[in-house]
């Protein structure tokens, strides 16, 4: 039997989006009504006014494997801890 909780664990740290930009995952948040899980993260690149907003994305979408140009790869790839 597959442990779905284990399968959806996500460690905090740096991630690279498949388009190349880097982000820091802060943690997992849970919706108070639906109990859906969301990844809370922020860009590690300069944004307008040097402002680093916090973004959320459904956990299932953050960890999914996507296909582009006949290739499969993770939407976000872990590249290291935030302390590095």
PDB file of N, CA and C in Angstrom:
ATOM      1  N   UNK A   1       0.835  -1.187   0.000  1.00  0.00           N
ATOM      2  CA  UNK A   1       0.000   0.000   0.000  1.00  0.00           C
ATOM      3  C   UNK A   1       0.879   1.250   0.000  1.00  0.00           C
ATOM      4  N   UNK A   2       0.568   2.241  -0.841  1.00  0.00           N
ATOM      5  CA  UNK A   2       1.348   3.462  -0.932  1.00  0.00           C
ATOM      6  C   UNK A   2       0.855   4.466   0.103  1.00  0.00           C
ATOM      7  N   UNK A   3       1.777   5.047   0.831  1.00  0.00           N
ATOM      8  CA  UNK A   3       1.450   6.054   1.827  1.00  0.00           C
ATOM      9  C   UNK A   3       1.355   7.411   1.125  1.00  0.00           C
ATOM     10  N   UNK A   4       0.137   7.890   0.880  1.00  0.00           N
ATOM     11  CA  UNK A   4      -0.050   9.140   0.149  1.00  0.00           C
ATOM     12  C   UNK A   4       0.517  10.343   0.880  1.00  0.00           C
ATOM     13  N   UNK A   5       0.531  10.330   2.209  1.00  0.00           N
ATOM     14  CA  UNK A   5       1.111  11.437   2.951  1.00  0.00           C
ATOM     15  C   UNK A   5       2.612  11.510   2.682  1.00  0.00           C
ATOM     16  N   UNK A   6       3.286  10.367   2.693  1.00  0.00           N
ATOM     17  CA  UNK A   6       4.717  10.313   2.441  1.00  0.00           C
ATOM     18  C   UNK A   6       5.022  10.794   1.027  1.00  0.00           C
ATOM     19  N   UNK A   7       4.184  10.387   0.079  1.00  0.00           N
ATOM     20  CA  UNK A   7       4.362  10.722  -1.326  1.00  0.00           C
ATOM     21  C   UNK A   7       4.280  12.232  -1.555  1.00  0.00           C
ATOM     22  N   UNK A   8       3.541  12.955  -0.728  1.00  0.00           N
ATOM     23  CA  UNK A   8       3.350  14.381  -0.939  1.00  0.00           C
ATOM     24  C   UNK A   8       4.178  15.248   0.015  1.00  0.00           C
ATOM     25  N   UNK A   9       5.180  14.671   0.667  1.00  0.00           N
ATOM     26  CA  UNK A   9       6.057  15.469   1.517  1.00  0.00           C
ATOM     27  C   UNK A   9       6.892  16.384   0.629  1.00  0.00           C
ATOM     28  N   UNK A  10       7.173  17.551   1.122  1.00  0.00           N
ATOM     29  CA  UNK A  10       7.968  18.511   0.368  1.00  0.00           C
ATOM     30  C   UNK A  10       8.861  19.233   1.352  1.00  0.00           C
ATOM     31  N   UNK A  11      10.161  19.174   1.133  1.00  0.00           N
ATOM     32  CA  UNK A  11      11.042  19.829   2.082  1.00  0.00           C
ATOM     33  C   UNK A  11      11.263  21.286   1.706  1.00  0.00           C
ATOM     34  N   UNK A  12      11.373  22.135   2.715  1.00  0.00           N
ATOM     35  CA  UNK A  12      11.663  23.542   2.462  1.00  0.00           C
ATOM     36  C   UNK A  12      13.037  23.672   1.799  1.00  0.00           C
ATOM     37  N   UNK A  13      13.221  24.726   1.048  1.00  0.00           N
ATOM     38  CA  UNK A  13      14.504  24.973   0.401  1.00  0.00           C
ATOM     39  C   UNK A  13      14.338  25.600  -0.959  1.00  0.00           C
ATOM     40  N   UNK A  14      15.402  25.525  -1.748  1.00  0.00           N
ATOM     41  CA  UNK A  14      15.416  26.136  -3.071  1.00  0.00           C
ATOM     42  C   UNK A  14      14.921  25.148  -4.124  1.00  0.00           C
ATOM     43  N   UNK A  15      14.123  25.671  -5.044  1.00  0.00           N
ATOM     44  CA  UNK A  15      13.589  24.881  -6.143  1.00  0.00           C
ATOM     45  C   UNK A  15      13.749  25.662  -7.438  1.00  0.00           C
ATOM     46  N   UNK A  16      13.949  24.940  -8.530  1.00  0.00           N
ATOM     47  CA  UNK A  16      14.012  25.567  -9.840  1.00  0.00           C
ATOM     48  C   UNK A  16      12.779  25.169 -10.633  1.00  0.00           C
ATOM     49  N   UNK A  17      12.072  26.168 -11.126  1.00  0.00           N
ATOM     50  CA  UNK A  17      10.914  25.941 -11.993  1.00  0.00           C
ATOM     51  C   UNK A  17      11.427  25.453 -13.341  1.00  0.00           C
ATOM     52  N   UNK A  18      10.638  24.667 -14.031  1.00  0.00           N
ATOM     53  CA  UNK A  18      11.094  24.105 -15.299  1.00  0.00           C
ATOM     54  C   UNK A  18      11.446  25.184 -16.328  1.00  0.00           C
ATOM     55  N   UNK A  19      10.972  26.401 -16.137  1.00  0.00           N
ATOM     56  CA  UNK A  19      11.319  27.496 -17.053  1.00  0.00           C
ATOM     57  C   UNK A  19      12.611  28.202 -16.646  1.00  0.00           C
ATOM     58  N   UNK A  20      13.202  27.790 -15.497  1.00  0.00           N
ATOM     59  CA  UNK A  20      14.524  28.273 -15.125  1.00  0.00           C
ATOM     60  C   UNK A  20      14.648  29.166 -13.914  1.00  0.00           C
ATOM     61  N   UNK A  21      13.593  29.833 -13.486  1.00  0.00           N
ATOM     62  CA  UNK A  21      13.712  30.730 -12.335  1.00  0.00           C
ATOM     63  C   UNK A  21      13.698  29.939 -11.031  1.00  0.00           C
ATOM     64  N   UNK A  22      14.334  30.528 -10.002  1.00  0.00           N
ATOM     65  CA  UNK A  22      14.461  29.848  -8.714  1.00  0.00           C
ATOM     66  C   UNK A  22      13.541  30.451  -7.668  1.00  0.00           C
ATOM     67  N   UNK A  23      13.115  29.581  -6.750  1.00  0.00           N
ATOM     68  CA  UNK A  23      12.162  29.951  -5.706  1.00  0.00           C
ATOM     69  C   UNK A  23      12.569  29.300  -4.401  1.00  0.00           C
ATOM     70  N   UNK A  24      12.132  29.888  -3.301  1.00  0.00           N
ATOM     71  CA  UNK A  24      12.336  29.292  -1.983  1.00  0.00           C
ATOM     72  C   UNK A  24      10.995  28.822  -1.443  1.00  0.00           C
ATOM     73  N   UNK A  25      10.927  27.524  -1.155  1.00  0.00           N
ATOM     74  CA  UNK A  25       9.720  26.972  -0.538  1.00  0.00           C
ATOM     75  C   UNK A  25       9.827  27.210   0.959  1.00  0.00           C
ATOM     76  N   UNK A  26       8.806  27.866   1.488  1.00  0.00           N
ATOM     77  CA  UNK A  26       8.765  28.186   2.910  1.00  0.00           C
ATOM     78  C   UNK A  26       8.114  27.060   3.697  1.00  0.00           C
ATOM     79  N   UNK A  27       7.069  26.475   3.118  1.00  0.00           N
ATOM     80  CA  UNK A  27       6.395  25.373   3.787  1.00  0.00           C
ATOM     81  C   UNK A  27       5.075  25.038   3.123  1.00  0.00           C
ATOM     82  N   UNK A  28       4.326  24.193   3.809  1.00  0.00           N
ATOM     83  CA  UNK A  28       3.017  23.747   3.335  1.00  0.00           C
ATOM     84  C   UNK A  28       1.949  24.401   4.211  1.00  0.00           C
ATOM     85  N   UNK A  29       0.940  24.963   3.570  1.00  0.00           N
ATOM     86  CA  UNK A  29      -0.208  25.534   4.285  1.00  0.00           C
ATOM     87  C   UNK A  29      -1.424  24.671   3.979  1.00  0.00           C
ATOM     88  N   UNK A  30      -2.368  24.672   4.889  1.00  0.00           N
ATOM     89  CA  UNK A  30      -3.579  23.882   4.697  1.00  0.00           C
ATOM     90  C   UNK A  30      -4.787  24.811   4.735  1.00  0.00           C
ATOM     91  N   UNK A  31      -5.661  24.655   3.746  1.00  0.00           N
ATOM     92  CA  UNK A  31      -6.887  25.465   3.672  1.00  0.00           C
ATOM     93  C   UNK A  31      -7.764  25.128   4.873  1.00  0.00           C
ATOM     94  N   UNK A  32      -8.283  26.153   5.537  1.00  0.00           N
ATOM     95  CA  UNK A  32      -9.040  25.941   6.772  1.00  0.00           C
ATOM     96  C   UNK A  32     -10.389  25.255   6.563  1.00  0.00           C
ATOM     97  N   UNK A  33     -10.958  25.376   5.392  1.00  0.00           N
ATOM     98  CA  UNK A  33     -12.272  24.769   5.131  1.00  0.00           C
ATOM     99  C   UNK A  33     -12.171  23.428   4.407  1.00  0.00           C
ATOM    100  N   UNK A  34     -11.355  23.384   3.346  1.00  0.00           N
ATOM    101  CA  UNK A  34     -11.294  22.167   2.513  1.00  0.00           C
ATOM    102  C   UNK A  34     -10.196  21.209   2.943  1.00  0.00           C
ATOM    103  N   UNK A  35      -9.232  21.701   3.739  1.00  0.00           N
ATOM    104  CA  UNK A  35      -8.049  20.965   4.174  1.00  0.00           C
ATOM    105  C   UNK A  35      -7.085  20.653   3.027  1.00  0.00           C
ATOM    106  N   UNK A  36      -7.310  21.271   1.852  1.00  0.00           N
ATOM    107  CA  UNK A  36      -6.373  21.116   0.738  1.00  0.00           C
ATOM    108  C   UNK A  36      -5.026  21.688   1.146  1.00  0.00           C
ATOM    109  N   UNK A  37      -3.954  21.093   0.611  1.00  0.00           N
ATOM    110  CA  UNK A  37      -2.598  21.541   0.936  1.00  0.00           C
ATOM    111  C   UNK A  37      -2.061  22.426  -0.183  1.00  0.00           C
ATOM    112  N   UNK A  38      -1.365  23.499   0.241  1.00  0.00           N
ATOM    113  CA  UNK A  38      -0.776  24.457  -0.682  1.00  0.00           C
ATOM    114  C   UNK A  38       0.681  24.694  -0.315  1.00  0.00           C
ATOM    115  N   UNK A  39       1.514  24.885  -1.324  1.00  0.00           N
ATOM    116  CA  UNK A  39       2.915  25.219  -1.110  1.00  0.00           C
ATOM    117  C   UNK A  39       3.018  26.738  -1.035  1.00  0.00           C
ATOM    118  N   UNK A  40       3.704  27.228   0.009  1.00  0.00           N
ATOM    119  CA  UNK A  40       3.953  28.660   0.164  1.00  0.00           C
ATOM    120  C   UNK A  40       5.403  28.887  -0.252  1.00  0.00           C
ATOM    121  N   UNK A  41       5.600  29.771  -1.233  1.00  0.00           N
ATOM    122  CA  UNK A  41       6.953  29.995  -1.734  1.00  0.00           C
ATOM    123  C   UNK A  41       7.115  31.432  -2.211  1.00  0.00           C
ATOM    124  N   UNK A  42       8.394  31.815  -2.426  1.00  0.00           N
ATOM    125  CA  UNK A  42       8.679  33.173  -2.900  1.00  0.00           C
ATOM    126  C   UNK A  42       9.777  33.109  -3.955  1.00  0.00           C
ATOM    127  N   UNK A  43       9.773  34.081  -4.864  1.00  0.00           N
ATOM    128  CA  UNK A  43      10.802  34.111  -5.901  1.00  0.00           C
ATOM    129  C   UNK A  43      12.154  34.491  -5.304  1.00  0.00           C
ATOM    130  N   UNK A  44      13.221  33.947  -5.877  1.00  0.00           N
ATOM    131  CA  UNK A  44      14.580  34.297  -5.465  1.00  0.00           C
ATOM    132  C   UNK A  44      15.245  35.183  -6.510  1.00  0.00           C
ATOM    133  N   UNK A  45      14.442  35.865  -7.276  1.00  0.00           N
ATOM    134  CA  UNK A  45      14.941  36.796  -8.278  1.00  0.00           C
ATOM    135  C   UNK A  45      14.287  38.143  -8.009  1.00  0.00           C
ATOM    136  N   UNK A  46      14.898  39.185  -8.530  1.00  0.00           N
ATOM    137  CA  UNK A  46      14.374  40.525  -8.298  1.00  0.00           C
ATOM    138  C   UNK A  46      13.036  40.711  -8.999  1.00  0.00           C
ATOM    139  N   UNK A  47      12.102  41.255  -8.258  1.00  0.00           N
ATOM    140  CA  UNK A  47      10.782  41.553  -8.808  1.00  0.00           C
ATOM    141  C   UNK A  47      10.597  43.066  -8.786  1.00  0.00           C
ATOM    142  N   UNK A  48       9.520  43.544  -9.351  1.00  0.00           N
ATOM    143  CA  UNK A  48       9.276  44.991  -9.390  1.00  0.00           C
ATOM    144  C   UNK A  48       9.403  45.606  -8.003  1.00  0.00           C
ATOM    145  N   UNK A  49      10.192  46.660  -7.911  1.00  0.00           N
ATOM    146  CA  UNK A  49      10.358  47.356  -6.641  1.00  0.00           C
ATOM    147  C   UNK A  49      11.113  46.529  -5.607  1.00  0.00           C
ATOM    148  N   UNK A  50      11.844  45.497  -6.065  1.00  0.00           N
ATOM    149  CA  UNK A  50      12.596  44.614  -5.173  1.00  0.00           C
ATOM    150  C   UNK A  50      11.699  44.002  -4.104  1.00  0.00           C
ATOM    151  N   UNK A  51      10.448  43.775  -4.445  1.00  0.00           N
ATOM    152  CA  UNK A  51       9.452  43.201  -3.536  1.00  0.00           C
ATOM    153  C   UNK A  51       9.397  41.698  -3.754  1.00  0.00           C
ATOM    154  N   UNK A  52       9.434  40.931  -2.676  1.00  0.00           N
ATOM    155  CA  UNK A  52       9.381  39.470  -2.766  1.00  0.00           C
ATOM    156  C   UNK A  52       8.053  38.975  -2.209  1.00  0.00           C
ATOM    157  N   UNK A  53       7.064  38.882  -3.067  1.00  0.00           N
ATOM    158  CA  UNK A  53       5.746  38.426  -2.592  1.00  0.00           C
ATOM    159  C   UNK A  53       5.768  36.939  -2.238  1.00  0.00           C
ATOM    160  N   UNK A  54       4.851  36.552  -1.419  1.00  0.00           N
ATOM    161  CA  UNK A  54       4.643  35.131  -1.141  1.00  0.00           C
ATOM    162  C   UNK A  54       3.583  34.629  -2.109  1.00  0.00           C
ATOM    163  N   UNK A  55       3.824  33.471  -2.672  1.00  0.00           N
ATOM    164  CA  UNK A  55       2.880  32.860  -3.584  1.00  0.00           C
ATOM    165  C   UNK A  55       2.432  31.527  -3.017  1.00  0.00           C
ATOM    166  N   UNK A  56       1.267  31.058  -3.444  1.00  0.00           N
ATOM    167  CA  UNK A  56       0.795  29.720  -3.088  1.00  0.00           C
ATOM    168  C   UNK A  56       0.386  28.990  -4.359  1.00  0.00           C
ATOM    169  N   UNK A  57       0.553  27.688  -4.324  1.00  0.00           N
ATOM    170  CA  UNK A  57       0.163  26.825  -5.427  1.00  0.00           C
ATOM    171  C   UNK A  57      -0.279  25.504  -4.808  1.00  0.00           C
ATOM    172  N   UNK A  58      -1.308  24.875  -5.343  1.00  0.00           N
ATOM    173  CA  UNK A  58      -1.710  23.583  -4.789  1.00  0.00           C
ATOM    174  C   UNK A  58      -0.517  22.612  -4.789  1.00  0.00           C
ATOM    175  N   UNK A  59      -0.348  21.890  -3.687  1.00  0.00           N
ATOM    176  CA  UNK A  59       0.751  20.940  -3.564  1.00  0.00           C
ATOM    177  C   UNK A  59       0.760  19.962  -4.728  1.00  0.00           C
ATOM    178  N   UNK A  60      -0.406  19.460  -5.097  1.00  0.00           N
ATOM    179  CA  UNK A  60      -0.473  18.478  -6.190  1.00  0.00           C
ATOM    180  C   UNK A  60       0.073  19.057  -7.491  1.00  0.00           C
ATOM    181  N   UNK A  61      -0.144  20.329  -7.724  1.00  0.00           N
ATOM    182  CA  UNK A  61       0.353  20.984  -8.938  1.00  0.00           C
ATOM    183  C   UNK A  61       1.862  21.246  -8.824  1.00  0.00           C
ATOM    184  N   UNK A  62       2.323  21.624  -7.636  1.00  0.00           N
ATOM    185  CA  UNK A  62       3.741  21.928  -7.421  1.00  0.00           C
ATOM    186  C   UNK A  62       4.613  20.699  -7.682  1.00  0.00           C
ATOM    187  N   UNK A  63       4.159  19.525  -7.246  1.00  0.00           N
ATOM    188  CA  UNK A  63       4.984  18.310  -7.353  1.00  0.00           C
ATOM    189  C   UNK A  63       4.711  17.485  -8.606  1.00  0.00           C
ATOM    190  N   UNK A  64       3.805  17.957  -9.464  1.00  0.00           N
ATOM    191  CA  UNK A  64       3.443  17.138 -10.620  1.00  0.00           C
ATOM    192  C   UNK A  64       4.562  17.059 -11.661  1.00  0.00           C
ATOM    193  N   UNK A  65       4.497  16.016 -12.438  1.00  0.00           N
ATOM    194  CA  UNK A  65       5.378  15.822 -13.591  1.00  0.00           C
ATOM    195  C   UNK A  65       4.640  16.370 -14.803  1.00  0.00           C
ATOM    196  N   UNK A  66       5.320  17.238 -15.540  1.00  0.00           N
ATOM    197  CA  UNK A  66       4.689  17.821 -16.717  1.00  0.00           C
ATOM    198  C   UNK A  66       5.392  17.333 -17.978  1.00  0.00           C
ATOM    199  N   UNK A  67       4.735  17.502 -19.103  1.00  0.00           N
ATOM    200  CA  UNK A  67       5.316  17.119 -20.389  1.00  0.00           C
ATOM    201  C   UNK A  67       5.397  18.331 -21.289  1.00  0.00           C
ATOM    202  N   UNK A  68       6.574  18.531 -21.883  1.00  0.00           N
ATOM    203  CA  UNK A  68       6.804  19.606 -22.845  1.00  0.00           C
ATOM    204  C   UNK A  68       7.728  19.058 -23.928  1.00  0.00           C
ATOM    205  N   UNK A  69       7.383  19.287 -25.156  1.00  0.00           N
ATOM    206  CA  UNK A  69       8.217  18.878 -26.283  1.00  0.00           C
ATOM    207  C   UNK A  69       8.609  17.408 -26.218  1.00  0.00           C
ATOM    208  N   UNK A  70       7.665  16.566 -25.805  1.00  0.00           N
ATOM    209  CA  UNK A  70       7.907  15.129 -25.747  1.00  0.00           C
ATOM    210  C   UNK A  70       8.744  14.657 -24.577  1.00  0.00           C
ATOM    211  N   UNK A  71       9.062  15.546 -23.632  1.00  0.00           N
ATOM    212  CA  UNK A  71       9.874  15.178 -22.466  1.00  0.00           C
ATOM    213  C   UNK A  71       9.055  15.344 -21.200  1.00  0.00           C
ATOM    214  N   UNK A  72       9.326  14.510 -20.212  1.00  0.00           N
ATOM    215  CA  UNK A  72       8.661  14.586 -18.908  1.00  0.00           C
ATOM    216  C   UNK A  72       9.663  15.033 -17.853  1.00  0.00           C
ATOM    217  N   UNK A  73       9.227  15.958 -16.992  1.00  0.00           N
ATOM    218  CA  UNK A  73      10.090  16.420 -15.913  1.00  0.00           C
ATOM    219  C   UNK A  73       9.229  17.083 -14.846  1.00  0.00           C
ATOM    220  N   UNK A  74       9.785  17.237 -13.624  1.00  0.00           N
ATOM    221  CA  UNK A  74       9.011  17.873 -12.552  1.00  0.00           C
ATOM    222  C   UNK A  74       8.808  19.364 -12.830  1.00  0.00           C
ATOM    223  N   UNK A  75       7.654  19.870 -12.436  1.00  0.00           N
ATOM    224  CA  UNK A  75       7.383  21.312 -12.578  1.00  0.00           C
ATOM    225  C   UNK A  75       8.420  22.103 -11.779  1.00  0.00           C
ATOM    226  N   UNK A  76       8.709  21.671 -10.555  1.00  0.00           N
ATOM    227  CA  UNK A  76       9.720  22.277  -9.705  1.00  0.00           C
ATOM    228  C   UNK A  76      10.692  21.189  -9.269  1.00  0.00           C
ATOM    229  N   UNK A  77      11.995  21.494  -9.331  1.00  0.00           N
ATOM    230  CA  UNK A  77      13.023  20.540  -8.935  1.00  0.00           C
ATOM    231  C   UNK A  77      13.781  21.090  -7.740  1.00  0.00           C
ATOM    232  N   UNK A  78      13.926  20.268  -6.701  1.00  0.00           N
ATOM    233  CA  UNK A  78      14.674  20.669  -5.510  1.00  0.00           C
ATOM    234  C   UNK A  78      16.150  20.847  -5.875  1.00  0.00           C
ATOM    235  N   UNK A  79      16.739  21.986  -5.480  1.00  0.00           N
ATOM    236  CA  UNK A  79      18.153  22.229  -5.796  1.00  0.00           C
ATOM    237  C   UNK A  79      19.007  22.495  -4.568  1.00  0.00           C
ATOM    238  N   UNK A  80      18.425  22.501  -3.376  1.00  0.00           N
ATOM    239  CA  UNK A  80      19.229  22.658  -2.162  1.00  0.00           C
ATOM    240  C   UNK A  80      18.498  23.368  -1.054  1.00  0.00           C
ATOM    241  N   UNK A  81      19.142  23.378   0.105  1.00  0.00           N
ATOM    242  CA  UNK A  81      18.531  24.023   1.259  1.00  0.00           C
ATOM    243  C   UNK A  81      18.712  25.540   1.150  1.00  0.00           C
ATOM    244  N   UNK A  82      17.934  26.262   1.895  1.00  0.00           N
ATOM    245  CA  UNK A  82      17.999  27.730   1.872  1.00  0.00           C
ATOM    246  C   UNK A  82      19.269  28.246   2.527  1.00  0.00           C
ATOM    247  N   UNK A  83      19.927  27.434   3.338  1.00  0.00           N
ATOM    248  CA  UNK A  83      21.129  27.851   4.052  1.00  0.00           C
ATOM    249  C   UNK A  83      22.378  27.781   3.189  1.00  0.00           C
ATOM    250  N   UNK A  84      22.297  27.167   2.027  1.00  0.00           N
ATOM    251  CA  UNK A  84      23.499  27.003   1.183  1.00  0.00           C
ATOM    252  C   UNK A  84      23.867  28.272   0.488  1.00  0.00           C
TER     253      UNK A  84
END
